[in-house]
Each structure stands twice: as C-alpha cells, then as structure tokens.
C-alpha cells in the first residue's frame, strides 16, 4: 500500500518487524509460544521457567548464477567465516605451538557479554591452558608475544550497481580471493607486519588475495579483532571472504572465494 516505497522507507523496529506466526478464530487465552515449545520438547509448560527467542531465515542455502558461481544464503556473515576457520582447524596438523579456534557470541551488539569478545573469556582460557601445562604466568605472557591471530569476518564485495560505495583504487572483486582489511583508525587489526605475514602465506600457497579499504568518506564497521587485541597483545590481522548484501536476509558470496578462504585458513593452521 506504500506507493513511495521506492523512494526509501524508514523501518520502525517496534511496528514494522513484528512477525506474523498464524491466525486464530478464537480469543487467545494461553501463551502460544510457550505451548509450541512445550509440544516440540514434550515438556510440561509449567516446567519451562524461561526461554530465549531468535528469529532467523529458514530457507536453505543455494548455489546460483550462470555456472553456480555464487552462494546465496542467510547469515553468511559470519557463519561462512566460522565454517572456513573450523575447516582449516580440523584439517590441519601443526607440530608447533597450540592451535586455537575461537567463536564469539554477540558481535553485532557490541560483544560486551560474558561470552563476547569484549570479555576476559579468551584470555582466561589461554592462561588456564598454560597453567594446565605447568607453565608460569611469565611463560604465558611470552607465548602471547610469539603468537599470531587471524580475525575472520566477511568483507564487502564491490557491487556492480553501486561502485561509488567502494574505494576507487581498492576494488574487491568476486573470485579473486579473501580480502585483507585495512583501516588507518584500526577498526581492523591489520598493520604492515601482520599484512606481510598473511600475504606471504597466500603467495606461498598460490592463493590470491585482495585488499579492502573503506572510502575515506564512508565510515565502515569494525570486527572483534580490535576488541580481542585490546585484551590479548597478539600480532593480528583482519581478513574476510567478500560478500554482497551484508546484513540482509540473504547474502551473496562467490563460491571460489569461499574455497580460497578455507584453503588459506588450513594453511595457517598448518604452520
């Protein structure tokens, strides 16, 4: 009914995004969601004290494009990077140091929870590992200085309909590999040292890589990389598989870029 929809719509979070679940022919005299959970779990409603509710797209991911060269799926940000990292972690074998794969909750709302990146969870876990190996705190701090961390979060792919949104000299294109993410204000952790480490790793395994930089007049987002680095003084880089339609209900990623990211993260965990 909105004839002005193509000129832009301001979404009211209270009014416009309420979900429609069903319709009823009689007055509602019970908690519909609670009844549904009770039925699904075969648990009496009186035994359910509280719940967490999350709405998410239910449609399956698809390979699309003229030659199935794209992955269309919900929540590629950031489950695709989680998958690529876990793939590399599980399929690698390193004889040096301790490989760690970490996933955090609550990145999109600031990471300030007990299980978020802006908590002592990772630092405490790493120290407890060292203590279990009969290492001292001094040895733990020394190990941090010798470590390297990849902050893996998707990057923005150049949109052919909106090229003006991308930096004109750093065009991130499909099929050209994962992107190293740079920001002079350190919204990403990348510096010349960590850039060189990752670039050399890519070149050593014949895996292409790209560089993502925001336009100077477009403020971009950040990642949990700088948040984690503020708790752990570890050399770190931000990288990401490029996607279109970031934060939309369905996002789009080049299949080849996804495979490149899996390969380079396996190479990293093999070090």
Protein backbone atom coordinates (compact mmCIF):
# COMPACT_ATOMS: atom_id res chain seq x y z
CA UNK A 1 0.00 0.00 0.00
CA UNK A 2 3.03 2.27 0.23
CA UNK A 3 3.36 3.99 -3.14
CA UNK A 4 6.56 5.74 -2.00
CA UNK A 5 8.44 2.55 -1.20
CA UNK A 6 10.98 3.08 -3.98
CA UNK A 7 11.99 6.45 -2.58
CA UNK A 8 13.11 4.88 0.70
CA UNK A 9 11.40 3.51 3.80
CA UNK A 10 12.28 4.14 7.43
CA UNK A 11 11.74 0.90 9.34
CA UNK A 12 10.20 1.26 12.78
CA UNK A 13 11.57 -1.57 14.92
CA UNK A 14 8.52 -1.65 17.18
CA UNK A 15 5.92 -1.57 14.41
CA UNK A 16 7.36 -2.87 11.14
CA UNK A 17 9.25 -6.02 12.06
CA UNK A 18 6.74 -7.85 14.25
CA UNK A 19 6.49 -11.42 12.91
CA UNK A 20 3.21 -12.98 11.74
CA UNK A 21 3.03 -16.52 13.12
CA UNK A 22 -0.51 -17.74 12.46
CA UNK A 23 -4.15 -16.67 12.61
CA UNK A 24 -6.75 -17.62 15.21
CA UNK A 25 -10.53 -17.97 15.12
CA UNK A 26 -10.94 -17.66 18.86
CA UNK A 27 -9.58 -15.46 21.63
CA UNK A 28 -6.07 -16.30 22.74
CA UNK A 29 -6.11 -17.41 26.37
CA UNK A 30 -2.67 -19.01 26.62
CA UNK A 31 0.98 -18.33 25.77
CA UNK A 32 1.16 -19.53 22.17
CA UNK A 33 4.97 -19.62 22.01
CA UNK A 34 5.24 -21.44 25.32
CA UNK A 35 2.69 -24.01 24.17
CA UNK A 36 4.63 -24.54 20.95
CA UNK A 37 7.90 -25.08 22.82
CA UNK A 38 6.20 -27.41 25.26
CA UNK A 39 4.79 -29.51 22.44
CA UNK A 40 8.07 -29.56 20.49
CA UNK A 41 10.15 -30.63 23.50
CA UNK A 42 7.50 -32.79 25.17
CA UNK A 43 7.98 -30.79 28.38
CA UNK A 44 5.07 -29.51 30.50
CA UNK A 45 4.64 -25.76 30.22
CA UNK A 46 4.85 -25.35 33.98
CA UNK A 47 8.37 -26.82 33.89
CA UNK A 48 9.60 -24.15 31.46
CA UNK A 49 10.90 -21.24 33.51
CA UNK A 50 12.22 -19.01 30.70
CA UNK A 51 13.26 -19.05 27.06
CA UNK A 52 15.42 -17.24 24.53
CA UNK A 53 13.76 -16.45 21.21
CA UNK A 54 15.63 -15.86 17.96
CA UNK A 55 14.02 -15.40 14.55
CA UNK A 56 16.07 -16.42 11.51
CA UNK A 57 15.55 -17.32 7.84
CA UNK A 58 14.56 -20.95 7.41
CA UNK A 59 15.14 -21.28 3.65
CA UNK A 60 18.13 -23.40 2.62
CA UNK A 61 21.27 -22.02 1.03
CA UNK A 62 21.59 -22.30 -2.77
CA UNK A 63 24.29 -22.17 -5.41
CA UNK A 64 23.12 -19.64 -8.02
CA UNK A 65 24.44 -17.84 -11.07
CA UNK A 66 25.06 -18.80 -14.68
CA UNK A 67 27.51 -21.53 -13.62
CA UNK A 68 26.59 -21.83 -9.93
CA UNK A 69 29.45 -19.46 -9.17
CA UNK A 70 27.69 -17.80 -6.24
CA UNK A 71 26.45 -18.98 -2.85
CA UNK A 72 23.15 -17.39 -1.81
CA UNK A 73 22.37 -17.94 1.84
CA UNK A 74 21.25 -16.29 5.06
CA UNK A 75 23.86 -15.48 7.69
CA UNK A 76 26.96 -15.82 5.53
CA UNK A 77 28.07 -13.06 7.90
CA UNK A 78 29.58 -14.62 9.81
CA UNK A 79 28.83 -18.34 9.68
CA UNK A 80 30.83 -18.70 6.45
CA UNK A 81 33.99 -17.50 8.18
CA UNK A 82 33.21 -19.74 11.14
CA UNK A 83 32.95 -22.71 8.77
CA UNK A 84 36.14 -21.80 6.89
CA UNK A 85 38.06 -21.39 10.15
CA UNK A 86 36.73 -24.65 11.57
CA UNK A 87 37.55 -26.41 8.29
CA UNK A 88 41.12 -25.19 8.45
CA UNK A 89 41.41 -26.08 12.13
CA UNK A 90 40.12 -29.64 11.70
CA UNK A 91 42.02 -30.45 8.51
CA UNK A 92 45.41 -29.11 9.53
CA UNK A 93 48.21 -30.69 11.54
CA UNK A 94 50.83 -28.47 13.13
CA UNK A 95 53.69 -29.72 15.26
CA UNK A 96 54.46 -26.29 16.71
CA UNK A 97 52.61 -24.45 19.45
CA UNK A 98 48.91 -24.80 20.22
CA UNK A 99 46.26 -24.14 17.58
CA UNK A 100 43.16 -22.34 18.89
CA UNK A 101 39.86 -21.77 17.10
CA UNK A 102 37.52 -19.36 18.87
CA UNK A 103 33.93 -18.28 18.09
CA UNK A 104 32.28 -15.45 19.99
CA UNK A 105 28.65 -14.52 20.52
CA UNK A 106 27.12 -11.05 20.38
CA UNK A 107 29.48 -9.33 17.93
CA UNK A 108 26.68 -7.36 16.28
CA UNK A 109 25.54 -5.85 19.59
CA UNK A 110 28.96 -4.83 20.88
CA UNK A 111 30.46 -8.07 22.25
CA UNK A 112 30.01 -6.87 25.83
CA UNK A 113 28.67 -10.10 27.33
CA UNK A 114 30.32 -12.80 29.42
CA UNK A 115 30.80 -14.88 26.26
CA UNK A 116 31.57 -11.97 23.92
CA UNK A 117 34.93 -10.84 22.57
CA UNK A 118 34.96 -7.86 24.95
CA UNK A 119 35.24 -10.15 27.94
CA UNK A 120 38.20 -11.95 29.58
CA UNK A 121 36.91 -15.34 28.36
CA UNK A 122 39.61 -15.98 25.72
CA UNK A 123 42.47 -14.56 27.79
CA UNK A 124 41.40 -16.63 30.79
CA UNK A 125 41.05 -19.78 28.69
CA UNK A 126 44.50 -19.41 27.15
CA UNK A 127 46.08 -18.80 30.55
CA UNK A 128 44.31 -21.83 32.01
CA UNK A 129 45.71 -23.97 29.16
CA UNK A 130 49.22 -22.79 30.01
CA UNK A 131 48.69 -23.40 33.72
CA UNK A 132 47.44 -26.93 32.95
CA UNK A 133 50.76 -27.47 31.13
CA UNK A 134 52.64 -26.35 34.28
CA UNK A 135 53.74 -23.09 32.67
CA UNK A 136 54.20 -19.89 34.64
CA UNK A 137 52.38 -16.63 34.03
CA UNK A 138 55.64 -15.20 32.66
CA UNK A 139 55.78 -18.04 30.13
CA UNK A 140 52.13 -17.37 29.25
CA UNK A 141 52.86 -13.70 28.54
CA UNK A 142 55.92 -14.66 26.48
CA UNK A 143 53.80 -17.08 24.44
CA UNK A 144 51.39 -14.26 23.57
CA UNK A 145 54.25 -12.25 22.12
CA UNK A 146 55.16 -15.22 19.90
CA UNK A 147 51.58 -15.87 18.74
CA UNK A 148 49.60 -14.73 15.70
CA UNK A 149 45.84 -14.25 15.41
CA UNK A 150 43.52 -14.02 12.39
CA UNK A 151 40.30 -12.10 12.96
CA UNK A 152 37.99 -13.65 10.34
CA UNK A 153 34.90 -11.67 9.35
CA UNK A 154 33.37 -11.18 5.91
CA UNK A 155 34.36 -8.19 3.75
CA UNK A 156 32.42 -6.00 1.33
CA UNK A 157 32.44 -7.06 -2.32
CA UNK A 158 32.24 -4.34 -4.96
CA UNK A 159 28.59 -4.04 -6.01
CA UNK A 160 28.24 -3.51 -9.78
CA UNK A 161 25.15 -1.33 -9.24
CA UNK A 162 26.83 0.80 -6.57
CA UNK A 163 30.54 1.08 -7.46
CA UNK A 164 30.63 4.51 -5.84
CA UNK A 165 30.29 2.82 -2.42
CA UNK A 166 33.73 1.21 -2.81
CA UNK A 167 37.18 2.72 -2.69
CA UNK A 168 38.12 3.52 -6.33
CA UNK A 169 41.67 2.15 -6.02
CA UNK A 170 40.93 -0.97 -3.96
CA UNK A 171 38.20 -2.84 -5.79
CA UNK A 172 37.30 -6.16 -4.16
CA UNK A 173 36.07 -8.45 -6.95
CA UNK A 174 34.44 -11.91 -6.98
CA UNK A 175 36.72 -14.90 -7.49
CA UNK A 176 39.88 -13.02 -6.57
CA UNK A 177 40.32 -14.46 -3.09
CA UNK A 178 39.87 -13.34 0.51
CA UNK A 179 40.37 -9.67 1.36
CA UNK A 180 42.86 -8.24 3.80
CA UNK A 181 41.01 -5.48 5.64
CA UNK A 182 42.79 -2.18 6.35
CA UNK A 183 41.78 0.86 8.38
CA UNK A 184 44.00 3.75 9.46
CA UNK A 185 41.98 4.14 12.67
CA UNK A 186 42.40 0.43 13.43
CA UNK A 187 38.81 -0.62 13.12
CA UNK A 188 40.72 -3.66 11.84
CA UNK A 189 43.87 -5.02 13.48
CA UNK A 190 45.93 -5.23 10.28
CA UNK A 191 49.31 -3.48 10.25
CA UNK A 192 52.29 -3.78 7.89
CA UNK A 193 53.75 -6.65 9.92
CA UNK A 194 50.64 -8.83 10.02
CA UNK A 195 49.77 -7.92 6.40
CA UNK A 196 53.17 -9.22 5.29
CA UNK A 197 52.73 -12.48 7.21
CA UNK A 198 49.36 -13.23 5.62
CA UNK A 199 50.36 -12.06 2.13
CA UNK A 200 53.45 -14.27 2.21
CA UNK A 201 51.33 -17.23 3.33
CA UNK A 202 48.94 -16.67 0.41
CA UNK A 203 51.77 -16.36 -2.11
CA UNK A 204 53.46 -19.47 -0.74
CA UNK A 205 50.29 -21.49 -1.39
CA UNK A 206 49.30 -19.83 -4.70
CA UNK A 207 46.12 -18.41 -3.18
CA UNK A 208 45.08 -14.96 -4.44
CA UNK A 209 44.19 -12.21 -2.00
CA UNK A 210 42.74 -8.71 -2.24
CA UNK A 211 42.74 -5.54 -0.16
CA UNK A 212 39.64 -3.93 1.29
CA UNK A 213 39.72 -0.28 2.38
CA UNK A 214 36.66 1.87 3.03
CA UNK A 215 36.17 5.02 1.05
CA UNK A 216 37.59 7.93 3.03
CA UNK A 217 34.12 9.49 3.26
CA UNK A 218 32.31 6.25 4.16
CA UNK A 219 32.57 5.03 7.73
CA UNK A 220 32.73 1.25 7.80
CA UNK A 221 32.11 -1.25 10.53
CA UNK A 222 34.61 -2.97 12.76
CA UNK A 223 35.25 -6.54 13.87
CA UNK A 224 36.03 -8.38 17.07
CA UNK A 225 39.70 -8.26 16.06
CA UNK A 226 40.49 -4.93 17.75
CA UNK A 227 38.31 -5.92 20.70
CA UNK A 228 40.23 -9.17 21.21
CA UNK A 229 43.57 -7.45 20.62
CA UNK A 230 42.81 -4.98 23.42
CA UNK A 231 42.62 -7.97 25.81
CA UNK A 232 45.43 -10.01 24.26
CA UNK A 233 48.62 -8.36 22.90
CA UNK A 234 48.93 -10.75 19.95
CA UNK A 235 50.03 -9.86 16.41
CA UNK A 236 46.80 -9.88 14.44
CA UNK A 237 45.25 -9.35 11.03
CA UNK A 238 41.68 -8.89 9.82
CA UNK A 239 40.65 -10.84 6.72
CA UNK A 240 37.32 -11.79 5.18
CA UNK A 241 35.61 -13.53 2.30
CA UNK A 242 33.93 -10.80 0.20
CA UNK A 243 30.11 -10.77 0.04
CA UNK A 244 27.28 -8.67 -1.32
CA UNK A 245 24.17 -7.58 0.65
CA UNK A 246 25.88 -7.81 4.03
CA UNK A 247 23.36 -7.96 6.90
CA UNK A 248 20.47 -8.70 4.53
CA UNK A 249 18.15 -11.68 4.95
CA UNK A 250 20.15 -13.40 2.20
CA UNK A 251 23.72 -12.60 1.27
CA UNK A 252 25.76 -13.46 -1.83
CA UNK A 253 29.31 -14.84 -1.97
CA UNK A 254 31.49 -16.14 -4.80
CA UNK A 255 31.92 -19.90 -4.40
CA UNK A 256 35.59 -19.71 -5.38
CA UNK A 257 36.32 -17.07 -2.74
CA UNK A 258 34.79 -19.33 -0.10
CA UNK A 259 37.06 -22.19 -1.19
CA UNK A 260 40.12 -19.93 -1.24
CA UNK A 261 39.37 -18.85 2.32
CA UNK A 262 39.06 -22.45 3.50
CA UNK A 263 42.41 -23.27 1.87
CA UNK A 264 44.31 -20.32 3.34
CA UNK A 265 42.98 -20.93 6.84
CA UNK A 266 44.03 -24.58 6.59
CA UNK A 267 47.48 -23.38 5.51
CA UNK A 268 47.55 -21.03 8.51
CA UNK A 269 46.71 -23.79 11.00
CA UNK A 270 49.39 -25.95 9.35
CA UNK A 271 52.14 -23.50 10.32
